[in-house]
């Protein structure tokens, strides 16, 4: 999921010109579909806490926050802590 959130964030950051608008929209929709599949997997295979954190993170990225290495590391650290 981290790679897809990074791609979502990076596409939004780089494709800012008017002529990129349609391409960006299509890309973001496709990436979001892949993230939705991963969220479904988490719903059936992980704790409610991990699901909640993953959904919140996705929501913040969808609403404009960037997803970088720091956020990725925080997510992984959280999952490792809760999963232990």
PDB file of N, CA and C in Angstrom:
ATOM      1  N   UNK A   1       0.819  -1.177   0.000  1.00  0.00           N
ATOM      2  CA  UNK A   1       0.000   0.000   0.000  1.00  0.00           C
ATOM      3  C   UNK A   1       0.872   1.254   0.000  1.00  0.00           C
ATOM      4  N   UNK A   2       2.028   1.164   0.633  1.00  0.00           N
ATOM      5  CA  UNK A   2       2.909   2.315   0.700  1.00  0.00           C
ATOM      6  C   UNK A   2       3.340   2.824  -0.665  1.00  0.00           C
ATOM      7  N   UNK A   3       3.677   1.900  -1.547  1.00  0.00           N
ATOM      8  CA  UNK A   3       4.114   2.304  -2.886  1.00  0.00           C
ATOM      9  C   UNK A   3       2.991   3.010  -3.640  1.00  0.00           C
ATOM     10  N   UNK A   4       1.778   2.504  -3.504  1.00  0.00           N
ATOM     11  CA  UNK A   4       0.648   3.115  -4.197  1.00  0.00           C
ATOM     12  C   UNK A   4       0.340   4.505  -3.636  1.00  0.00           C
ATOM     13  N   UNK A   5       0.403   4.654  -2.313  1.00  0.00           N
ATOM     14  CA  UNK A   5       0.177   5.982  -1.734  1.00  0.00           C
ATOM     15  C   UNK A   5       1.260   6.957  -2.187  1.00  0.00           C
ATOM     16  N   UNK A   6       2.488   6.473  -2.274  1.00  0.00           N
ATOM     17  CA  UNK A   6       3.567   7.316  -2.756  1.00  0.00           C
ATOM     18  C   UNK A   6       3.298   7.734  -4.200  1.00  0.00           C
ATOM     19  N   UNK A   7       2.885   6.779  -5.040  1.00  0.00           N
ATOM     20  CA  UNK A   7       2.586   7.088  -6.439  1.00  0.00           C
ATOM     21  C   UNK A   7       1.439   8.091  -6.533  1.00  0.00           C
ATOM     22  N   UNK A   8       0.408   7.904  -5.729  1.00  0.00           N
ATOM     23  CA  UNK A   8      -0.731   8.820  -5.722  1.00  0.00           C
ATOM     24  C   UNK A   8      -0.250  10.227  -5.383  1.00  0.00           C
ATOM     25  N   UNK A   9       0.499  10.330  -4.322  1.00  0.00           N
ATOM     26  CA  UNK A   9       1.005  11.617  -3.856  1.00  0.00           C
ATOM     27  C   UNK A   9       1.934  12.246  -4.885  1.00  0.00           C
ATOM     28  N   UNK A  10       2.836  11.481  -5.441  1.00  0.00           N
ATOM     29  CA  UNK A  10       3.826  11.993  -6.389  1.00  0.00           C
ATOM     30  C   UNK A  10       3.157  12.435  -7.693  1.00  0.00           C
ATOM     31  N   UNK A  11       2.177  11.672  -8.171  1.00  0.00           N
ATOM     32  CA  UNK A  11       1.463  12.067  -9.382  1.00  0.00           C
ATOM     33  C   UNK A  11       0.790  13.419  -9.184  1.00  0.00           C
ATOM     34  N   UNK A  12       0.140  13.568  -8.052  1.00  0.00           N
ATOM     35  CA  UNK A  12      -0.555  14.824  -7.763  1.00  0.00           C
ATOM     36  C   UNK A  12       0.436  15.986  -7.664  1.00  0.00           C
ATOM     37  N   UNK A  13       1.616  15.702  -7.153  1.00  0.00           N
ATOM     38  CA  UNK A  13       2.647  16.726  -6.997  1.00  0.00           C
ATOM     39  C   UNK A  13       3.252  17.140  -8.344  1.00  0.00           C
ATOM     40  N   UNK A  14       3.467  16.188  -9.234  1.00  0.00           N
ATOM     41  CA  UNK A  14       4.178  16.460 -10.480  1.00  0.00           C
ATOM     42  C   UNK A  14       3.286  16.864 -11.651  1.00  0.00           C
ATOM     43  N   UNK A  15       2.075  16.350 -11.682  1.00  0.00           N
ATOM     44  CA  UNK A  15       1.198  16.619 -12.823  1.00  0.00           C
ATOM     45  C   UNK A  15       0.271  17.788 -12.502  1.00  0.00           C
ATOM     46  N   UNK A  16       0.808  18.990 -12.602  1.00  0.00           N
ATOM     47  CA  UNK A  16       0.072  20.176 -12.162  1.00  0.00           C
ATOM     48  C   UNK A  16      -0.355  21.090 -13.309  1.00  0.00           C
ATOM     49  N   UNK A  17       0.156  20.858 -14.489  1.00  0.00           N
ATOM     50  CA  UNK A  17      -0.207  21.702 -15.623  1.00  0.00           C
ATOM     51  C   UNK A  17      -1.625  21.389 -16.087  1.00  0.00           C
ATOM     52  N   UNK A  18      -2.238  22.366 -16.701  1.00  0.00           N
ATOM     53  CA  UNK A  18      -3.620  22.214 -17.175  1.00  0.00           C
ATOM     54  C   UNK A  18      -3.752  21.032 -18.136  1.00  0.00           C
ATOM     55  N   UNK A  19      -2.773  20.862 -19.007  1.00  0.00           N
ATOM     56  CA  UNK A  19      -2.862  19.764 -19.980  1.00  0.00           C
ATOM     57  C   UNK A  19      -2.704  18.385 -19.327  1.00  0.00           C
ATOM     58  N   UNK A  20      -2.255  18.355 -18.076  1.00  0.00           N
ATOM     59  CA  UNK A  20      -2.108  17.088 -17.344  1.00  0.00           C
ATOM     60  C   UNK A  20      -3.361  16.696 -16.579  1.00  0.00           C
ATOM     61  N   UNK A  21      -4.343  17.574 -16.542  1.00  0.00           N
ATOM     62  CA  UNK A  21      -5.506  17.389 -15.671  1.00  0.00           C
ATOM     63  C   UNK A  21      -6.232  16.057 -15.902  1.00  0.00           C
ATOM     64  N   UNK A  22      -6.557  15.745 -17.128  1.00  0.00           N
ATOM     65  CA  UNK A  22      -7.278  14.507 -17.437  1.00  0.00           C
ATOM     66  C   UNK A  22      -6.413  13.282 -17.133  1.00  0.00           C
ATOM     67  N   UNK A  23      -5.152  13.338 -17.549  1.00  0.00           N
ATOM     68  CA  UNK A  23      -4.227  12.235 -17.293  1.00  0.00           C
ATOM     69  C   UNK A  23      -4.071  12.004 -15.795  1.00  0.00           C
ATOM     70  N   UNK A  24      -3.931  13.093 -15.038  1.00  0.00           N
ATOM     71  CA  UNK A  24      -3.802  12.990 -13.588  1.00  0.00           C
ATOM     72  C   UNK A  24      -5.045  12.338 -12.987  1.00  0.00           C
ATOM     73  N   UNK A  25      -6.194  12.787 -13.393  1.00  0.00           N
ATOM     74  CA  UNK A  25      -7.440  12.233 -12.869  1.00  0.00           C
ATOM     75  C   UNK A  25      -7.531  10.724 -13.123  1.00  0.00           C
ATOM     76  N   UNK A  26      -7.207  10.313 -14.329  1.00  0.00           N
ATOM     77  CA  UNK A  26      -7.248   8.887 -14.670  1.00  0.00           C
ATOM     78  C   UNK A  26      -6.238   8.101 -13.840  1.00  0.00           C
ATOM     79  N   UNK A  27      -5.034   8.639 -13.695  1.00  0.00           N
ATOM     80  CA  UNK A  27      -4.004   7.969 -12.900  1.00  0.00           C
ATOM     81  C   UNK A  27      -4.429   7.830 -11.448  1.00  0.00           C
ATOM     82  N   UNK A  28      -4.923   8.916 -10.867  1.00  0.00           N
ATOM     83  CA  UNK A  28      -5.328   8.878  -9.465  1.00  0.00           C
ATOM     84  C   UNK A  28      -6.449   7.878  -9.250  1.00  0.00           C
ATOM     85  N   UNK A  29      -7.401   7.825 -10.172  1.00  0.00           N
ATOM     86  CA  UNK A  29      -8.494   6.855 -10.052  1.00  0.00           C
ATOM     87  C   UNK A  29      -7.982   5.424 -10.111  1.00  0.00           C
ATOM     88  N   UNK A  30      -7.049   5.164 -11.008  1.00  0.00           N
ATOM     89  CA  UNK A  30      -6.490   3.809 -11.134  1.00  0.00           C
ATOM     90  C   UNK A  30      -5.693   3.423  -9.883  1.00  0.00           C
ATOM     91  N   UNK A  31      -4.889   4.332  -9.380  1.00  0.00           N
ATOM     92  CA  UNK A  31      -4.110   4.053  -8.179  1.00  0.00           C
ATOM     93  C   UNK A  31      -5.033   3.834  -6.986  1.00  0.00           C
ATOM     94  N   UNK A  32      -6.075   4.647  -6.882  1.00  0.00           N
ATOM     95  CA  UNK A  32      -7.031   4.502  -5.782  1.00  0.00           C
ATOM     96  C   UNK A  32      -7.725   3.137  -5.841  1.00  0.00           C
ATOM     97  N   UNK A  33      -8.041   2.661  -7.014  1.00  0.00           N
ATOM     98  CA  UNK A  33      -8.647   1.326  -7.147  1.00  0.00           C
ATOM     99  C   UNK A  33      -7.721   0.252  -6.580  1.00  0.00           C
ATOM    100  N   UNK A  34      -6.420   0.370  -6.869  1.00  0.00           N
ATOM    101  CA  UNK A  34      -5.456  -0.611  -6.342  1.00  0.00           C
ATOM    102  C   UNK A  34      -5.353  -0.500  -4.822  1.00  0.00           C
ATOM    103  N   UNK A  35      -5.396   0.718  -4.306  1.00  0.00           N
ATOM    104  CA  UNK A  35      -5.356   0.909  -2.856  1.00  0.00           C
ATOM    105  C   UNK A  35      -6.615   0.325  -2.222  1.00  0.00           C
ATOM    106  N   UNK A  36      -7.770   0.512  -2.852  1.00  0.00           N
ATOM    107  CA  UNK A  36      -9.024  -0.039  -2.329  1.00  0.00           C
ATOM    108  C   UNK A  36      -8.973  -1.561  -2.204  1.00  0.00           C
ATOM    109  N   UNK A  37      -8.326  -2.215  -3.150  1.00  0.00           N
ATOM    110  CA  UNK A  37      -8.163  -3.674  -3.088  1.00  0.00           C
ATOM    111  C   UNK A  37      -7.311  -4.037  -1.868  1.00  0.00           C
ATOM    112  N   UNK A  38      -6.278  -3.276  -1.624  1.00  0.00           N
ATOM    113  CA  UNK A  38      -5.421  -3.538  -0.466  1.00  0.00           C
ATOM    114  C   UNK A  38      -6.162  -3.288   0.841  1.00  0.00           C
ATOM    115  N   UNK A  39      -6.989  -2.273   0.877  1.00  0.00           N
ATOM    116  CA  UNK A  39      -7.790  -2.001   2.078  1.00  0.00           C
ATOM    117  C   UNK A  39      -8.741  -3.167   2.338  1.00  0.00           C
ATOM    118  N   UNK A  40      -9.344  -3.704   1.295  1.00  0.00           N
ATOM    119  CA  UNK A  40     -10.222  -4.877   1.452  1.00  0.00           C
ATOM    120  C   UNK A  40      -9.451  -6.049   2.054  1.00  0.00           C
ATOM    121  N   UNK A  41      -8.217  -6.238   1.617  1.00  0.00           N
ATOM    122  CA  UNK A  41      -7.382  -7.306   2.164  1.00  0.00           C
ATOM    123  C   UNK A  41      -7.110  -7.056   3.644  1.00  0.00           C
ATOM    124  N   UNK A  42      -6.800  -5.827   3.984  1.00  0.00           N
ATOM    125  CA  UNK A  42      -6.535  -5.477   5.376  1.00  0.00           C
ATOM    126  C   UNK A  42      -7.785  -5.710   6.229  1.00  0.00           C
ATOM    127  N   UNK A  43      -8.952  -5.408   5.679  1.00  0.00           N
ATOM    128  CA  UNK A  43     -10.211  -5.603   6.419  1.00  0.00           C
ATOM    129  C   UNK A  43     -10.388  -7.042   6.883  1.00  0.00           C
ATOM    130  N   UNK A  44      -9.935  -7.983   6.067  1.00  0.00           N
ATOM    131  CA  UNK A  44     -10.143  -9.391   6.403  1.00  0.00           C
ATOM    132  C   UNK A  44      -8.920 -10.059   7.042  1.00  0.00           C
ATOM    133  N   UNK A  45      -7.778  -9.380   7.018  1.00  0.00           N
ATOM    134  CA  UNK A  45      -6.556 -10.040   7.481  1.00  0.00           C
ATOM    135  C   UNK A  45      -5.766  -9.301   8.550  1.00  0.00           C
ATOM    136  N   UNK A  46      -6.249  -8.172   9.004  1.00  0.00           N
ATOM    137  CA  UNK A  46      -5.495  -7.408   9.999  1.00  0.00           C
ATOM    138  C   UNK A  46      -6.443  -6.904  11.085  1.00  0.00           C
ATOM    139  N   UNK A  47      -5.863  -6.372  12.126  1.00  0.00           N
ATOM    140  CA  UNK A  47      -6.665  -5.872  13.245  1.00  0.00           C
ATOM    141  C   UNK A  47      -7.416  -4.607  12.855  1.00  0.00           C
ATOM    142  N   UNK A  48      -8.443  -4.312  13.630  1.00  0.00           N
ATOM    143  CA  UNK A  48      -9.227  -3.101  13.412  1.00  0.00           C
ATOM    144  C   UNK A  48      -8.362  -1.853  13.577  1.00  0.00           C
ATOM    145  N   UNK A  49      -7.383  -1.905  14.468  1.00  0.00           N
ATOM    146  CA  UNK A  49      -6.483  -0.762  14.667  1.00  0.00           C
ATOM    147  C   UNK A  49      -5.670  -0.467  13.406  1.00  0.00           C
ATOM    148  N   UNK A  50      -5.124  -1.500  12.819  1.00  0.00           N
ATOM    149  CA  UNK A  50      -4.327  -1.321  11.603  1.00  0.00           C
ATOM    150  C   UNK A  50      -5.213  -0.820  10.475  1.00  0.00           C
ATOM    151  N   UNK A  51      -6.401  -1.381  10.354  1.00  0.00           N
ATOM    152  CA  UNK A  51      -7.341  -0.932   9.330  1.00  0.00           C
ATOM    153  C   UNK A  51      -7.667   0.540   9.507  1.00  0.00           C
ATOM    154  N   UNK A  52      -7.931   0.947  10.724  1.00  0.00           N
ATOM    155  CA  UNK A  52      -8.262   2.338  11.005  1.00  0.00           C
ATOM    156  C   UNK A  52      -7.120   3.281  10.626  1.00  0.00           C
ATOM    157  N   UNK A  53      -5.901   2.920  10.996  1.00  0.00           N
ATOM    158  CA  UNK A  53      -4.738   3.747  10.667  1.00  0.00           C
ATOM    159  C   UNK A  53      -4.544   3.807   9.154  1.00  0.00           C
ATOM    160  N   UNK A  54      -4.694   2.687   8.477  1.00  0.00           N
ATOM    161  CA  UNK A  54      -4.515   2.652   7.021  1.00  0.00           C
ATOM    162  C   UNK A  54      -5.569   3.524   6.330  1.00  0.00           C
ATOM    163  N   UNK A  55      -6.815   3.421   6.756  1.00  0.00           N
ATOM    164  CA  UNK A  55      -7.880   4.224   6.151  1.00  0.00           C
ATOM    165  C   UNK A  55      -7.670   5.710   6.406  1.00  0.00           C
ATOM    166  N   UNK A  56      -7.245   6.047   7.613  1.00  0.00           N
ATOM    167  CA  UNK A  56      -6.996   7.449   7.934  1.00  0.00           C
ATOM    168  C   UNK A  56      -5.854   7.996   7.085  1.00  0.00           C
ATOM    169  N   UNK A  57      -4.796   7.221   6.941  1.00  0.00           N
ATOM    170  CA  UNK A  57      -3.659   7.634   6.130  1.00  0.00           C
ATOM    171  C   UNK A  57      -4.084   7.840   4.680  1.00  0.00           C
ATOM    172  N   UNK A  58      -4.838   6.913   4.146  1.00  0.00           N
ATOM    173  CA  UNK A  58      -5.323   7.047   2.765  1.00  0.00           C
ATOM    174  C   UNK A  58      -6.155   8.319   2.618  1.00  0.00           C
ATOM    175  N   UNK A  59      -7.029   8.550   3.555  1.00  0.00           N
ATOM    176  CA  UNK A  59      -7.886   9.732   3.498  1.00  0.00           C
ATOM    177  C   UNK A  59      -7.063  11.019   3.475  1.00  0.00           C
ATOM    178  N   UNK A  60      -6.039  11.094   4.313  1.00  0.00           N
ATOM    179  CA  UNK A  60      -5.232  12.313   4.341  1.00  0.00           C
ATOM    180  C   UNK A  60      -4.467  12.504   3.035  1.00  0.00           C
ATOM    181  N   UNK A  61      -3.998  11.404   2.450  1.00  0.00           N
ATOM    182  CA  UNK A  61      -3.292  11.505   1.170  1.00  0.00           C
ATOM    183  C   UNK A  61      -4.274  11.904   0.065  1.00  0.00           C
ATOM    184  N   UNK A  62      -5.464  11.317   0.062  1.00  0.00           N
ATOM    185  CA  UNK A  62      -6.468  11.661  -0.945  1.00  0.00           C
ATOM    186  C   UNK A  62      -6.872  13.131  -0.851  1.00  0.00           C
ATOM    187  N   UNK A  63      -6.762  13.685   0.342  1.00  0.00           N
ATOM    188  CA  UNK A  63      -7.159  15.082   0.540  1.00  0.00           C
ATOM    189  C   UNK A  63      -5.992  16.066   0.443  1.00  0.00           C
ATOM    190  N   UNK A  64      -4.835  15.601  -0.012  1.00  0.00           N
ATOM    191  CA  UNK A  64      -3.763  16.527  -0.323  1.00  0.00           C
ATOM    192  C   UNK A  64      -2.460  16.376   0.421  1.00  0.00           C
ATOM    193  N   UNK A  65      -2.428  15.620   1.513  1.00  0.00           N
ATOM    194  CA  UNK A  65      -1.151  15.429   2.206  1.00  0.00           C
ATOM    195  C   UNK A  65      -0.214  14.603   1.330  1.00  0.00           C
ATOM    196  N   UNK A  66       1.059  14.858   1.472  1.00  0.00           N
ATOM    197  CA  UNK A  66       2.023  14.056   0.719  1.00  0.00           C
ATOM    198  C   UNK A  66       2.346  12.789   1.510  1.00  0.00           C
ATOM    199  N   UNK A  67       2.718  11.767   0.799  1.00  0.00           N
ATOM    200  CA  UNK A  67       3.139  10.506   1.411  1.00  0.00           C
ATOM    201  C   UNK A  67       4.607  10.340   1.079  1.00  0.00           C
ATOM    202  N   UNK A  68       5.435  10.385   2.111  1.00  0.00           N
ATOM    203  CA  UNK A  68       6.874  10.323   1.921  1.00  0.00           C
ATOM    204  C   UNK A  68       7.464   9.179   2.733  1.00  0.00           C
ATOM    205  N   UNK A  69       8.783   9.086   2.726  1.00  0.00           N
ATOM    206  CA  UNK A  69       9.464   8.012   3.444  1.00  0.00           C
ATOM    207  C   UNK A  69       9.155   8.038   4.941  1.00  0.00           C
ATOM    208  N   UNK A  70       9.063   9.225   5.496  1.00  0.00           N
ATOM    209  CA  UNK A  70       8.774   9.347   6.926  1.00  0.00           C
ATOM    210  C   UNK A  70       7.401   8.752   7.266  1.00  0.00           C
ATOM    211  N   UNK A  71       6.401   9.080   6.477  1.00  0.00           N
ATOM    212  CA  UNK A  71       5.065   8.530   6.729  1.00  0.00           C
ATOM    213  C   UNK A  71       5.040   7.021   6.488  1.00  0.00           C
ATOM    214  N   UNK A  72       5.769   6.571   5.482  1.00  0.00           N
ATOM    215  CA  UNK A  72       5.848   5.144   5.222  1.00  0.00           C
ATOM    216  C   UNK A  72       6.471   4.425   6.413  1.00  0.00           C
ATOM    217  N   UNK A  73       7.576   4.957   6.915  1.00  0.00           N
ATOM    218  CA  UNK A  73       8.245   4.341   8.058  1.00  0.00           C
ATOM    219  C   UNK A  73       7.362   4.346   9.301  1.00  0.00           C
ATOM    220  N   UNK A  74       6.606   5.417   9.502  1.00  0.00           N
ATOM    221  CA  UNK A  74       5.667   5.472  10.629  1.00  0.00           C
ATOM    222  C   UNK A  74       4.606   4.380  10.504  1.00  0.00           C
ATOM    223  N   UNK A  75       4.094   4.191   9.305  1.00  0.00           N
ATOM    224  CA  UNK A  75       3.080   3.150   9.060  1.00  0.00           C
ATOM    225  C   UNK A  75       3.657   1.772   9.353  1.00  0.00           C
ATOM    226  N   UNK A  76       4.811   1.491   8.815  1.00  0.00           N
ATOM    227  CA  UNK A  76       5.444   0.176   9.020  1.00  0.00           C
ATOM    228  C   UNK A  76       5.730  -0.048  10.502  1.00  0.00           C
ATOM    229  N   UNK A  77       6.251   0.963  11.171  1.00  0.00           N
ATOM    230  CA  UNK A  77       6.542   0.855  12.598  1.00  0.00           C
ATOM    231  C   UNK A  77       5.269   0.569  13.385  1.00  0.00           C
ATOM    232  N   UNK A  78       4.199   1.259  13.057  1.00  0.00           N
ATOM    233  CA  UNK A  78       2.929   1.041  13.745  1.00  0.00           C
ATOM    234  C   UNK A  78       2.442  -0.391  13.535  1.00  0.00           C
ATOM    235  N   UNK A  79       2.479  -0.845  12.300  1.00  0.00           N
ATOM    236  CA  UNK A  79       2.011  -2.203  11.983  1.00  0.00           C
ATOM    237  C   UNK A  79       2.856  -3.234  12.735  1.00  0.00           C
ATOM    238  N   UNK A  80       4.147  -3.028  12.784  1.00  0.00           N
ATOM    239  CA  UNK A  80       5.016  -3.965  13.495  1.00  0.00           C
ATOM    240  C   UNK A  80       4.726  -3.960  14.993  1.00  0.00           C
ATOM    241  N   UNK A  81       4.448  -2.794  15.541  1.00  0.00           N
ATOM    242  CA  UNK A  81       4.166  -2.692  16.978  1.00  0.00           C
ATOM    243  C   UNK A  81       2.838  -3.350  17.324  1.00  0.00           C
ATOM    244  N   UNK A  82       1.820  -3.061  16.551  1.00  0.00           N
ATOM    245  CA  UNK A  82       0.479  -3.616  16.823  1.00  0.00           C
ATOM    246  C   UNK A  82       0.446  -5.097  16.512  1.00  0.00           C
ATOM    247  N   UNK A  83       1.155  -5.489  15.455  1.00  0.00           N
ATOM    248  CA  UNK A  83       1.154  -6.880  15.023  1.00  0.00           C
ATOM    249  C   UNK A  83       1.952  -7.821  15.912  1.00  0.00           C
ATOM    250  N   UNK A  84       2.755  -7.272  16.800  1.00  0.00           N
ATOM    251  CA  UNK A  84       3.600  -8.116  17.654  1.00  0.00           C
ATOM    252  C   UNK A  84       2.824  -8.745  18.782  1.00  0.00           C
TER     253      UNK A  84
END
